[in-house]
Amino acid sequence: MLALSSVTRYFLYGEPTDMRFGINSLAGLVRNRLGFDPMSGDVFLFLGKRSNQIRLLQWDRDGFAMYVKKLERGTFERPRLSGSAITSSQLTLLLQGVKLESVSYRKRYDPLQRG
């Protein structure tokens, strides 16, 4: 079962993906194109060419799990990211159809940020 968590890392594959690809092909993209270990437990996102379908791939302790959402109407936003990392809150908004560019976040403590 997929549960979005701020502890889990999420990575978006930057190019449109053939939605006929199964688990092995997507795991190959993760390893060969993104340079990550697909069995790390991280969640990898793939958007279709028409942006109406998204696939999430995750290693789940004893095997791969693939989650698919295909929209009947509308499209998913292809977010502009620096790198391939996406946060769990961004993923939630993306799945709900919220434009990420229109979201404004209130200031919060970030131990990685100084000043």
PDB file of N, CA and C in Angstrom:
ATOM      1  N   MET A   1       0.842  -1.176   0.000  1.00  0.00           N
ATOM      2  CA  MET A   1       0.000   0.000   0.000  1.00  0.00           C
ATOM      3  C   MET A   1       0.885   1.237   0.000  1.00  0.00           C
ATOM      4  N   LEU A   2       0.537   2.189  -0.808  1.00  0.00           N
ATOM      5  CA  LEU A   2       1.303   3.420  -0.914  1.00  0.00           C
ATOM      6  C   LEU A   2       0.847   4.409   0.153  1.00  0.00           C
ATOM      7  N   ALA A   3       1.806   4.861   0.938  1.00  0.00           N
ATOM      8  CA  ALA A   3       1.541   5.904   1.923  1.00  0.00           C
ATOM      9  C   ALA A   3       2.613   6.968   1.734  1.00  0.00           C
ATOM     10  N   LEU A   4       2.211   8.181   1.415  1.00  0.00           N
ATOM     11  CA  LEU A   4       3.175   9.247   1.209  1.00  0.00           C
ATOM     12  C   LEU A   4       3.696   9.721   2.556  1.00  0.00           C
ATOM     13  N   SER A   5       5.021   9.853   2.650  1.00  0.00           N
ATOM     14  CA  SER A   5       5.661  10.215   3.902  1.00  0.00           C
ATOM     15  C   SER A   5       6.787  11.202   3.640  1.00  0.00           C
ATOM     16  N   SER A   6       7.009  12.086   4.564  1.00  0.00           N
ATOM     17  CA  SER A   6       8.109  13.037   4.407  1.00  0.00           C
ATOM     18  C   SER A   6       9.460  12.357   4.632  1.00  0.00           C
ATOM     19  N   VAL A   7       9.457  11.137   5.150  1.00  0.00           N
ATOM     20  CA  VAL A   7      10.686  10.389   5.372  1.00  0.00           C
ATOM     21  C   VAL A   7      11.161   9.726   4.073  1.00  0.00           C
ATOM     22  N   THR A   8      10.234   9.330   3.221  1.00  0.00           N
ATOM     23  CA  THR A   8      10.561   8.676   1.959  1.00  0.00           C
ATOM     24  C   THR A   8      11.036   9.709   0.946  1.00  0.00           C
ATOM     25  N   ARG A   9      11.976   9.295   0.098  1.00  0.00           N
ATOM     26  CA  ARG A   9      12.445  10.180  -0.961  1.00  0.00           C
ATOM     27  C   ARG A   9      11.697   9.861  -2.252  1.00  0.00           C
ATOM     28  N   TYR A  10      11.390  10.906  -3.025  1.00  0.00           N
ATOM     29  CA  TYR A  10      10.636  10.779  -4.270  1.00  0.00           C
ATOM     30  C   TYR A  10      11.449  11.410  -5.397  1.00  0.00           C
ATOM     31  N   PHE A  11      11.484  10.715  -6.530  1.00  0.00           N
ATOM     32  CA  PHE A  11      12.239  11.205  -7.677  1.00  0.00           C
ATOM     33  C   PHE A  11      11.380  11.115  -8.928  1.00  0.00           C
ATOM     34  N   LEU A  12      11.371  12.192  -9.692  1.00  0.00           N
ATOM     35  CA  LEU A  12      10.603  12.258 -10.933  1.00  0.00           C
ATOM     36  C   LEU A  12      11.532  12.034 -12.111  1.00  0.00           C
ATOM     37  N   TYR A  13      11.185  11.079 -12.967  1.00  0.00           N
ATOM     38  CA  TYR A  13      11.926  10.859 -14.202  1.00  0.00           C
ATOM     39  C   TYR A  13      11.559  11.998 -15.142  1.00  0.00           C
ATOM     40  N   GLY A  14      12.543  12.741 -15.620  1.00  0.00           N
ATOM     41  CA  GLY A  14      12.310  14.004 -16.314  1.00  0.00           C
ATOM     42  C   GLY A  14      11.722  13.927 -17.708  1.00  0.00           C
ATOM     43  N   GLU A  15      11.822  12.784 -18.389  1.00  0.00           N
ATOM     44  CA  GLU A  15      11.344  12.676 -19.761  1.00  0.00           C
ATOM     45  C   GLU A  15       9.982  11.976 -19.805  1.00  0.00           C
ATOM     46  N   PRO A  16       9.159  12.282 -20.803  1.00  0.00           N
ATOM     47  CA  PRO A  16       7.905  11.530 -20.964  1.00  0.00           C
ATOM     48  C   PRO A  16       8.211  10.047 -21.135  1.00  0.00           C
ATOM     49  N   THR A  17       7.404   9.216 -20.487  1.00  0.00           N
ATOM     50  CA  THR A  17       7.662   7.784 -20.449  1.00  0.00           C
ATOM     51  C   THR A  17       6.556   7.019 -21.170  1.00  0.00           C
ATOM     52  N   ASP A  18       6.940   5.973 -21.863  1.00  0.00           N
ATOM     53  CA  ASP A  18       5.994   5.084 -22.518  1.00  0.00           C
ATOM     54  C   ASP A  18       5.225   4.320 -21.434  1.00  0.00           C
ATOM     55  N   MET A  19       3.930   4.537 -21.338  1.00  0.00           N
ATOM     56  CA  MET A  19       3.141   3.937 -20.276  1.00  0.00           C
ATOM     57  C   MET A  19       2.864   2.445 -20.497  1.00  0.00           C
ATOM     58  N   ARG A  20       3.402   1.888 -21.567  1.00  0.00           N
ATOM     59  CA  ARG A  20       3.346   0.431 -21.733  1.00  0.00           C
ATOM     60  C   ARG A  20       4.451  -0.246 -20.945  1.00  0.00           C
ATOM     61  N   PHE A  21       5.415   0.548 -20.461  1.00  0.00           N
ATOM     62  CA  PHE A  21       6.528  -0.010 -19.694  1.00  0.00           C
ATOM     63  C   PHE A  21       6.015  -0.627 -18.404  1.00  0.00           C
ATOM     64  N   GLY A  22       6.535  -1.787 -18.090  1.00  0.00           N
ATOM     65  CA  GLY A  22       6.210  -2.470 -16.843  1.00  0.00           C
ATOM     66  C   GLY A  22       7.286  -2.235 -15.802  1.00  0.00           C
ATOM     67  N   ILE A  23       7.237  -3.030 -14.763  1.00  0.00           N
ATOM     68  CA  ILE A  23       8.145  -2.878 -13.633  1.00  0.00           C
ATOM     69  C   ILE A  23       9.604  -2.992 -14.059  1.00  0.00           C
ATOM     70  N   ASN A  24       9.951  -4.006 -14.835  1.00  0.00           N
ATOM     71  CA  ASN A  24      11.351  -4.213 -15.211  1.00  0.00           C
ATOM     72  C   ASN A  24      11.892  -3.073 -16.062  1.00  0.00           C
ATOM     73  N   SER A  25      11.098  -2.582 -17.004  1.00  0.00           N
ATOM     74  CA  SER A  25      11.543  -1.470 -17.852  1.00  0.00           C
ATOM     75  C   SER A  25      11.705  -0.194 -17.040  1.00  0.00           C
ATOM     76  N   LEU A  26      10.775   0.078 -16.129  1.00  0.00           N
ATOM     77  CA  LEU A  26      10.872   1.275 -15.292  1.00  0.00           C
ATOM     78  C   LEU A  26      12.071   1.175 -14.345  1.00  0.00           C
ATOM     79  N   ALA A  27      12.294  -0.015 -13.786  1.00  0.00           N
ATOM     80  CA  ALA A  27      13.462  -0.214 -12.917  1.00  0.00           C
ATOM     81  C   ALA A  27      14.751  -0.003 -13.713  1.00  0.00           C
ATOM     82  N   GLY A  28      14.753  -0.394 -14.977  1.00  0.00           N
ATOM     83  CA  GLY A  28      15.908  -0.157 -15.843  1.00  0.00           C
ATOM     84  C   GLY A  28      16.158   1.322 -16.071  1.00  0.00           C
ATOM     85  N   LEU A  29      15.088   2.108 -16.243  1.00  0.00           N
ATOM     86  CA  LEU A  29      15.238   3.556 -16.390  1.00  0.00           C
ATOM     87  C   LEU A  29      15.828   4.167 -15.115  1.00  0.00           C
ATOM     88  N   VAL A  30      15.373   3.683 -13.974  1.00  0.00           N
ATOM     89  CA  VAL A  30      15.877   4.200 -12.695  1.00  0.00           C
ATOM     90  C   VAL A  30      17.372   3.934 -12.586  1.00  0.00           C
ATOM     91  N   ARG A  31      17.778   2.711 -12.887  1.00  0.00           N
ATOM     92  CA  ARG A  31      19.179   2.328 -12.745  1.00  0.00           C
ATOM     93  C   ARG A  31      20.063   2.989 -13.812  1.00  0.00           C
ATOM     94  N   ASN A  32      19.648   2.924 -15.077  1.00  0.00           N
ATOM     95  CA  ASN A  32      20.509   3.347 -16.182  1.00  0.00           C
ATOM     96  C   ASN A  32      20.446   4.831 -16.506  1.00  0.00           C
ATOM     97  N   ARG A  33      19.290   5.453 -16.331  1.00  0.00           N
ATOM     98  CA  ARG A  33      19.149   6.870 -16.696  1.00  0.00           C
ATOM     99  C   ARG A  33      19.250   7.794 -15.489  1.00  0.00           C
ATOM    100  N   LEU A  34      18.592   7.427 -14.372  1.00  0.00           N
ATOM    101  CA  LEU A  34      18.648   8.276 -13.184  1.00  0.00           C
ATOM    102  C   LEU A  34      19.881   7.985 -12.334  1.00  0.00           C
ATOM    103  N   GLY A  35      20.430   6.771 -12.461  1.00  0.00           N
ATOM    104  CA  GLY A  35      21.616   6.410 -11.687  1.00  0.00           C
ATOM    105  C   GLY A  35      21.332   6.038 -10.250  1.00  0.00           C
ATOM    106  N   PHE A  36      20.094   5.635  -9.950  1.00  0.00           N
ATOM    107  CA  PHE A  36      19.717   5.228  -8.601  1.00  0.00           C
ATOM    108  C   PHE A  36      19.491   3.725  -8.552  1.00  0.00           C
ATOM    109  N   ASP A  37      19.540   3.177  -7.361  1.00  0.00           N
ATOM    110  CA  ASP A  37      19.224   1.768  -7.151  1.00  0.00           C
ATOM    111  C   ASP A  37      17.704   1.648  -7.017  1.00  0.00           C
ATOM    112  N   PRO A  38      17.031   0.953  -7.929  1.00  0.00           N
ATOM    113  CA  PRO A  38      15.570   0.860  -7.844  1.00  0.00           C
ATOM    114  C   PRO A  38      15.090   0.083  -6.619  1.00  0.00           C
ATOM    115  N   MET A  39      15.995  -0.662  -5.965  1.00  0.00           N
ATOM    116  CA  MET A  39      15.617  -1.434  -4.782  1.00  0.00           C
ATOM    117  C   MET A  39      15.933  -0.695  -3.477  1.00  0.00           C
ATOM    118  N   SER A  40      16.117   0.620  -3.566  1.00  0.00           N
ATOM    119  CA  SER A  40      16.479   1.427  -2.402  1.00  0.00           C
ATOM    120  C   SER A  40      15.309   1.707  -1.464  1.00  0.00           C
ATOM    121  N   GLY A  41      14.086   1.549  -1.952  1.00  0.00           N
ATOM    122  CA  GLY A  41      12.914   1.915  -1.165  1.00  0.00           C
ATOM    123  C   GLY A  41      12.386   3.292  -1.514  1.00  0.00           C
ATOM    124  N   ASP A  42      13.165   4.054  -2.306  1.00  0.00           N
ATOM    125  CA  ASP A  42      12.695   5.350  -2.782  1.00  0.00           C
ATOM    126  C   ASP A  42      11.556   5.136  -3.777  1.00  0.00           C
ATOM    127  N   VAL A  43      10.740   6.165  -3.982  1.00  0.00           N
ATOM    128  CA  VAL A  43       9.622   6.103  -4.929  1.00  0.00           C
ATOM    129  C   VAL A  43      10.029   6.875  -6.181  1.00  0.00           C
ATOM    130  N   PHE A  44       9.839   6.244  -7.333  1.00  0.00           N
ATOM    131  CA  PHE A  44      10.198   6.854  -8.609  1.00  0.00           C
ATOM    132  C   PHE A  44       8.927   7.087  -9.413  1.00  0.00           C
ATOM    133  N   LEU A  45       8.780   8.325  -9.931  1.00  0.00           N
ATOM    134  CA  LEU A  45       7.571   8.739 -10.649  1.00  0.00           C
ATOM    135  C   LEU A  45       7.860   8.856 -12.132  1.00  0.00           C
ATOM    136  N   PHE A  46       6.895   8.426 -12.925  1.00  0.00           N
ATOM    137  CA  PHE A  46       7.004   8.483 -14.373  1.00  0.00           C
ATOM    138  C   PHE A  46       5.699   9.037 -14.925  1.00  0.00           C
ATOM    139  N   LEU A  47       5.795  10.087 -15.748  1.00  0.00           N
ATOM    140  CA  LEU A  47       4.623  10.674 -16.390  1.00  0.00           C
ATOM    141  C   LEU A  47       4.580  10.237 -17.843  1.00  0.00           C
ATOM    142  N   GLY A  48       3.377   9.915 -18.328  1.00  0.00           N
ATOM    143  CA  GLY A  48       3.194   9.513 -19.712  1.00  0.00           C
ATOM    144  C   GLY A  48       3.384  10.665 -20.680  1.00  0.00           C
ATOM    145  N   LYS A  49       3.498  10.321 -21.954  1.00  0.00           N
ATOM    146  CA  LYS A  49       3.711  11.322 -22.998  1.00  0.00           C
ATOM    147  C   LYS A  49       2.568  12.325 -23.066  1.00  0.00           C
ATOM    148  N   ARG A  50       1.342  11.860 -22.839  1.00  0.00           N
ATOM    149  CA  ARG A  50       0.180  12.759 -22.881  1.00  0.00           C
ATOM    150  C   ARG A  50      -0.109  13.401 -21.528  1.00  0.00           C
ATOM    151  N   SER A  51       0.676  13.074 -20.527  1.00  0.00           N
ATOM    152  CA  SER A  51       0.545  13.612 -19.158  1.00  0.00           C
ATOM    153  C   SER A  51      -0.796  13.296 -18.505  1.00  0.00           C
ATOM    154  N   ASN A  52      -1.479  12.268 -18.987  1.00  0.00           N
ATOM    155  CA  ASN A  52      -2.739  11.880 -18.348  1.00  0.00           C
ATOM    156  C   ASN A  52      -2.583  10.610 -17.503  1.00  0.00           C
ATOM    157  N   GLN A  53      -1.361  10.112 -17.406  1.00  0.00           N
ATOM    158  CA  GLN A  53      -1.119   8.908 -16.633  1.00  0.00           C
ATOM    159  C   GLN A  53       0.206   9.050 -15.886  1.00  0.00           C
ATOM    160  N   ILE A  54       0.206   8.561 -14.648  1.00  0.00           N
ATOM    161  CA  ILE A  54       1.412   8.581 -13.829  1.00  0.00           C
ATOM    162  C   ILE A  54       1.616   7.197 -13.242  1.00  0.00           C
ATOM    163  N   ARG A  55       2.868   6.775 -13.165  1.00  0.00           N
ATOM    164  CA  ARG A  55       3.218   5.496 -12.544  1.00  0.00           C
ATOM    165  C   ARG A  55       4.249   5.765 -11.459  1.00  0.00           C
ATOM    166  N   LEU A  56       4.074   5.097 -10.331  1.00  0.00           N
ATOM    167  CA  LEU A  56       5.005   5.194  -9.220  1.00  0.00           C
ATOM    168  C   LEU A  56       5.570   3.810  -8.977  1.00  0.00           C
ATOM    169  N   LEU A  57       6.880   3.717  -8.880  1.00  0.00           N
ATOM    170  CA  LEU A  57       7.559   2.442  -8.677  1.00  0.00           C
ATOM    171  C   LEU A  57       8.310   2.501  -7.358  1.00  0.00           C
ATOM    172  N   GLN A  58       8.139   1.447  -6.543  1.00  0.00           N
ATOM    173  CA  GLN A  58       8.827   1.393  -5.253  1.00  0.00           C
ATOM    174  C   GLN A  58       9.158  -0.050  -4.906  1.00  0.00           C
ATOM    175  N   TRP A  59      10.350  -0.254  -4.377  1.00  0.00           N
ATOM    176  CA  TRP A  59      10.712  -1.554  -3.833  1.00  0.00           C
ATOM    177  C   TRP A  59      10.088  -1.643  -2.453  1.00  0.00           C
ATOM    178  N   ASP A  60       9.328  -2.713  -2.206  1.00  0.00           N
ATOM    179  CA  ASP A  60       8.572  -2.848  -0.959  1.00  0.00           C
ATOM    180  C   ASP A  60       9.039  -4.091  -0.198  1.00  0.00           C
ATOM    181  N   ARG A  61      10.215  -4.058   0.340  1.00  0.00           N
ATOM    182  CA  ARG A  61      10.859  -5.104   1.138  1.00  0.00           C
ATOM    183  C   ARG A  61      11.087  -6.427   0.419  1.00  0.00           C
ATOM    184  N   ASP A  62      10.088  -6.966  -0.268  1.00  0.00           N
ATOM    185  CA  ASP A  62      10.244  -8.288  -0.885  1.00  0.00           C
ATOM    186  C   ASP A  62       9.847  -8.302  -2.360  1.00  0.00           C
ATOM    187  N   GLY A  63       9.632  -7.150  -2.928  1.00  0.00           N
ATOM    188  CA  GLY A  63       9.281  -7.073  -4.344  1.00  0.00           C
ATOM    189  C   GLY A  63       8.903  -5.654  -4.725  1.00  0.00           C
ATOM    190  N   PHE A  64       8.778  -5.438  -6.025  1.00  0.00           N
ATOM    191  CA  PHE A  64       8.399  -4.123  -6.519  1.00  0.00           C
ATOM    192  C   PHE A  64       6.888  -3.935  -6.435  1.00  0.00           C
ATOM    193  N   ALA A  65       6.495  -2.710  -6.147  1.00  0.00           N
ATOM    194  CA  ALA A  65       5.090  -2.318  -6.213  1.00  0.00           C
ATOM    195  C   ALA A  65       5.000  -1.183  -7.233  1.00  0.00           C
ATOM    196  N   MET A  66       4.001  -1.272  -8.104  1.00  0.00           N
ATOM    197  CA  MET A  66       3.790  -0.223  -9.090  1.00  0.00           C
ATOM    198  C   MET A  66       2.370   0.284  -8.932  1.00  0.00           C
ATOM    199  N   TYR A  67       2.250   1.604  -8.820  1.00  0.00           N
ATOM    200  CA  TYR A  67       0.960   2.248  -8.675  1.00  0.00           C
ATOM    201  C   TYR A  67       0.706   3.074  -9.923  1.00  0.00           C
ATOM    202  N   VAL A  68      -0.511   2.965 -10.454  1.00  0.00           N
ATOM    203  CA  VAL A  68      -0.853   3.652 -11.695  1.00  0.00           C
ATOM    204  C   VAL A  68      -2.094   4.502 -11.462  1.00  0.00           C
ATOM    205  N   LYS A  69      -2.060   5.737 -11.956  1.00  0.00           N
ATOM    206  CA  LYS A  69      -3.256   6.584 -11.963  1.00  0.00           C
ATOM    207  C   LYS A  69      -3.404   7.141 -13.363  1.00  0.00           C
ATOM    208  N   LYS A  70      -4.545   6.857 -13.975  1.00  0.00           N
ATOM    209  CA  LYS A  70      -4.841   7.362 -15.308  1.00  0.00           C
ATOM    210  C   LYS A  70      -6.075   8.248 -15.209  1.00  0.00           C
ATOM    211  N   LEU A  71      -5.923   9.491 -15.642  1.00  0.00           N
ATOM    212  CA  LEU A  71      -7.022  10.444 -15.558  1.00  0.00           C
ATOM    213  C   LEU A  71      -8.012  10.236 -16.694  1.00  0.00           C
ATOM    214  N   GLU A  72      -9.283  10.330 -16.384  1.00  0.00           N
ATOM    215  CA  GLU A  72     -10.325  10.262 -17.408  1.00  0.00           C
ATOM    216  C   GLU A  72     -10.401  11.578 -18.177  1.00  0.00           C
ATOM    217  N   ARG A  73     -10.084  12.674 -17.500  1.00  0.00           N
ATOM    218  CA  ARG A  73     -10.119  14.002 -18.112  1.00  0.00           C
ATOM    219  C   ARG A  73      -9.024  14.841 -17.464  1.00  0.00           C
ATOM    220  N   GLY A  74      -8.358  15.641 -18.258  1.00  0.00           N
ATOM    221  CA  GLY A  74      -7.314  16.509 -17.728  1.00  0.00           C
ATOM    222  C   GLY A  74      -5.939  15.867 -17.801  1.00  0.00           C
ATOM    223  N   THR A  75      -4.966  16.596 -17.277  1.00  0.00           N
ATOM    224  CA  THR A  75      -3.587  16.123 -17.305  1.00  0.00           C
ATOM    225  C   THR A  75      -2.902  16.412 -15.970  1.00  0.00           C
ATOM    226  N   PHE A  76      -1.790  15.720 -15.760  1.00  0.00           N
ATOM    227  CA  PHE A  76      -0.924  16.008 -14.629  1.00  0.00           C
ATOM    228  C   PHE A  76       0.052  17.092 -15.046  1.00  0.00           C
ATOM    229  N   GLU A  77       0.407  17.940 -14.118  1.00  0.00           N
ATOM    230  CA  GLU A  77       1.425  18.952 -14.386  1.00  0.00           C
ATOM    231  C   GLU A  77       2.792  18.274 -14.409  1.00  0.00           C
ATOM    232  N   ARG A  78       3.612  18.659 -15.374  1.00  0.00           N
ATOM    233  CA  ARG A  78       4.996  18.194 -15.399  1.00  0.00           C
ATOM    234  C   ARG A  78       5.809  19.273 -14.682  1.00  0.00           C
ATOM    235  N   PRO A  79       6.128  19.045 -13.395  1.00  0.00           N
ATOM    236  CA  PRO A  79       6.765  20.108 -12.615  1.00  0.00           C
ATOM    237  C   PRO A  79       8.167  20.439 -13.116  1.00  0.00           C
ATOM    238  N   ARG A  80       8.536  21.708 -12.959  1.00  0.00           N
ATOM    239  CA  ARG A  80       9.893  22.149 -13.266  1.00  0.00           C
ATOM    240  C   ARG A  80      10.696  22.048 -11.982  1.00  0.00           C
ATOM    241  N   LEU A  81      11.639  21.137 -11.975  1.00  0.00           N
ATOM    242  CA  LEU A  81      12.448  20.905 -10.781  1.00  0.00           C
ATOM    243  C   LEU A  81      13.912  21.123 -11.104  1.00  0.00           C
ATOM    244  N   SER A  82      14.667  21.511 -10.108  1.00  0.00           N
ATOM    245  CA  SER A  82      16.116  21.507 -10.276  1.00  0.00           C
ATOM    246  C   SER A  82      16.571  20.144  -9.754  1.00  0.00           C
ATOM    247  N   GLY A  83      16.945  19.271 -10.656  1.00  0.00           N
ATOM    248  CA  GLY A  83      17.238  17.888 -10.292  1.00  0.00           C
ATOM    249  C   GLY A  83      15.989  17.046 -10.467  1.00  0.00           C
ATOM    250  N   SER A  84      15.960  15.883  -9.831  1.00  0.00           N
ATOM    251  CA  SER A  84      14.814  14.995 -10.002  1.00  0.00           C
ATOM    252  C   SER A  84      14.024  14.784  -8.713  1.00  0.00           C
ATOM    253  N   ALA A  85      14.481  15.365  -7.601  1.00  0.00           N
ATOM    254  CA  ALA A  85      13.809  15.165  -6.320  1.00  0.00           C
ATOM    255  C   ALA A  85      12.517  15.971  -6.250  1.00  0.00           C
ATOM    256  N   ILE A  86      11.503  15.370  -5.643  1.00  0.00           N
ATOM    257  CA  ILE A  86      10.210  16.012  -5.427  1.00  0.00           C
ATOM    258  C   ILE A  86       9.780  15.659  -4.004  1.00  0.00           C
ATOM    259  N   THR A  87       9.148  16.576  -3.301  1.00  0.00           N
ATOM    260  CA  THR A  87       8.741  16.313  -1.920  1.00  0.00           C
ATOM    261  C   THR A  87       7.406  15.577  -1.883  1.00  0.00           C
ATOM    262  N   SER A  88       7.109  14.989  -0.740  1.00  0.00           N
ATOM    263  CA  SER A  88       5.831  14.292  -0.582  1.00  0.00           C
ATOM    264  C   SER A  88       4.660  15.264  -0.694  1.00  0.00           C
ATOM    265  N   SER A  89       4.824  16.488  -0.216  1.00  0.00           N
ATOM    266  CA  SER A  89       3.732  17.466  -0.329  1.00  0.00           C
ATOM    267  C   SER A  89       3.535  17.890  -1.783  1.00  0.00           C
ATOM    268  N   GLN A  90       4.631  18.055  -2.538  1.00  0.00           N
ATOM    269  CA  GLN A  90       4.507  18.367  -3.960  1.00  0.00           C
ATOM    270  C   GLN A  90       3.823  17.225  -4.712  1.00  0.00           C
ATOM    271  N   LEU A  91       4.176  15.985  -4.368  1.00  0.00           N
ATOM    272  CA  LEU A  91       3.552  14.825  -5.016  1.00  0.00           C
ATOM    273  C   LEU A  91       2.061  14.775  -4.710  1.00  0.00           C
ATOM    274  N   THR A  92       1.688  15.042  -3.474  1.00  0.00           N
ATOM    275  CA  THR A  92       0.272  15.058  -3.106  1.00  0.00           C
ATOM    276  C   THR A  92      -0.494  16.088  -3.924  1.00  0.00           C
ATOM    277  N   LEU A  93       0.061  17.288  -4.034  1.00  0.00           N
ATOM    278  CA  LEU A  93      -0.582  18.341  -4.815  1.00  0.00           C
ATOM    279  C   LEU A  93      -0.650  17.967  -6.291  1.00  0.00           C
ATOM    280  N   LEU A  94       0.409  17.387  -6.811  1.00  0.00           N
ATOM    281  CA  LEU A  94       0.445  16.956  -8.209  1.00  0.00           C
ATOM    282  C   LEU A  94      -0.662  15.939  -8.491  1.00  0.00           C
ATOM    283  N   LEU A  95      -0.830  14.961  -7.596  1.00  0.00           N
ATOM    284  CA  LEU A  95      -1.860  13.932  -7.773  1.00  0.00           C
ATOM    285  C   LEU A  95      -3.268  14.512  -7.653  1.00  0.00           C
ATOM    286  N   GLN A  96      -3.427  15.609  -6.905  1.00  0.00           N
ATOM    287  CA  GLN A  96      -4.729  16.240  -6.730  1.00  0.00           C
ATOM    288  C   GLN A  96      -5.051  17.249  -7.820  1.00  0.00           C
ATOM    289  N   GLY A  97      -4.083  17.530  -8.687  1.00  0.00           N
ATOM    290  CA  GLY A  97      -4.328  18.454  -9.782  1.00  0.00           C
ATOM    291  C   GLY A  97      -4.062  19.911  -9.468  1.00  0.00           C
ATOM    292  N   VAL A  98      -3.335  20.191  -8.407  1.00  0.00           N
ATOM    293  CA  VAL A  98      -3.015  21.569  -8.040  1.00  0.00           C
ATOM    294  C   VAL A  98      -1.787  22.007  -8.831  1.00  0.00           C
ATOM    295  N   LYS A  99      -1.816  23.248  -9.371  1.00  0.00           N
ATOM    296  CA  LYS A  99      -0.656  23.793 -10.078  1.00  0.00           C
ATOM    297  C   LYS A  99       0.423  24.120  -9.053  1.00  0.00           C
ATOM    298  N   LEU A 100       1.559  23.466  -9.181  1.00  0.00           N
ATOM    299  CA  LEU A 100       2.634  23.665  -8.210  1.00  0.00           C
ATOM    300  C   LEU A 100       3.191  25.078  -8.237  1.00  0.00           C
ATOM    301  N   GLU A 101       3.181  25.725  -9.399  1.00  0.00           N
ATOM    302  CA  GLU A 101       3.695  27.087  -9.493  1.00  0.00           C
ATOM    303  C   GLU A 101       2.826  28.079  -8.723  1.00  0.00           C
ATOM    304  N   SER A 102       1.549  27.777  -8.541  1.00  0.00           N
ATOM    305  CA  SER A 102       0.653  28.698  -7.853  1.00  0.00           C
ATOM    306  C   SER A 102       0.655  28.509  -6.336  1.00  0.00           C
ATOM    307  N   VAL A 103       1.342  27.489  -5.863  1.00  0.00           N
ATOM    308  CA  VAL A 103       1.385  27.205  -4.422  1.00  0.00           C
ATOM    309  C   VAL A 103       2.434  28.089  -3.770  1.00  0.00           C
ATOM    310  N   SER A 104       2.058  28.679  -2.662  1.00  0.00           N
ATOM    311  CA  SER A 104       3.030  29.463  -1.909  1.00  0.00           C
ATOM    312  C   SER A 104       3.112  28.872  -0.507  1.00  0.00           C
ATOM    313  N   TYR A 105       4.328  28.599  -0.071  1.00  0.00           N
ATOM    314  CA  TYR A 105       4.556  27.972   1.226  1.00  0.00           C
ATOM    315  C   TYR A 105       4.884  29.034   2.274  1.00  0.00           C
ATOM    316  N   ARG A 106       4.330  28.866   3.466  1.00  0.00           N
ATOM    317  CA  ARG A 106       4.647  29.766   4.567  1.00  0.00           C
ATOM    318  C   ARG A 106       5.999  29.363   5.138  1.00  0.00           C
ATOM    319  N   LYS A 107       6.673  30.326   5.739  1.00  0.00           N
ATOM    320  CA  LYS A 107       8.005  30.103   6.274  1.00  0.00           C
ATOM    321  C   LYS A 107       7.960  29.080   7.408  1.00  0.00           C
ATOM    322  N   ARG A 108       8.902  28.131   7.362  1.00  0.00           N
ATOM    323  CA  ARG A 108       9.036  27.104   8.398  1.00  0.00           C
ATOM    324  C   ARG A 108      10.510  26.929   8.735  1.00  0.00           C
ATOM    325  N   TYR A 109      10.775  26.364   9.884  1.00  0.00           N
ATOM    326  CA  TYR A 109      12.145  26.077  10.292  1.00  0.00           C
ATOM    327  C   TYR A 109      12.717  24.991   9.397  1.00  0.00           C
ATOM    328  N   ASP A 110      13.944  25.222   8.933  1.00  0.00           N
ATOM    329  CA  ASP A 110      14.654  24.250   8.119  1.00  0.00           C
ATOM    330  C   ASP A 110      16.072  24.143   8.673  1.00  0.00           C
ATOM    331  N   PRO A 111      16.416  23.007   9.288  1.00  0.00           N
ATOM    332  CA  PRO A 111      17.733  22.886   9.909  1.00  0.00           C
ATOM    333  C   PRO A 111      18.877  22.954   8.881  1.00  0.00           C
ATOM    334  N   LEU A 112      18.600  22.752   7.626  1.00  0.00           N
ATOM    335  CA  LEU A 112      19.629  22.806   6.593  1.00  0.00           C
ATOM    336  C   LEU A 112      19.915  24.218   6.109  1.00  0.00           C
ATOM    337  N   GLN A 113      19.020  25.147   6.450  1.00  0.00           N
ATOM    338  CA  GLN A 113      19.145  26.532   5.999  1.00  0.00           C
ATOM    339  C   GLN A 113      19.699  27.387   7.139  1.00  0.00           C
ATOM    340  N   ARG A 114      20.662  28.202   6.835  1.00  0.00           N
ATOM    341  CA  ARG A 114      21.245  29.081   7.859  1.00  0.00           C
ATOM    342  C   ARG A 114      20.746  30.506   7.658  1.00  0.00           C
ATOM    343  N   GLY A 115      20.551  31.180   8.760  1.00  0.00           N
ATOM    344  CA  GLY A 115      20.203  32.598   8.674  1.00  0.00           C
ATOM    345  C   GLY A 115      18.818  32.915   8.794  1.00  0.00           C
TER     346      GLY A 115
END
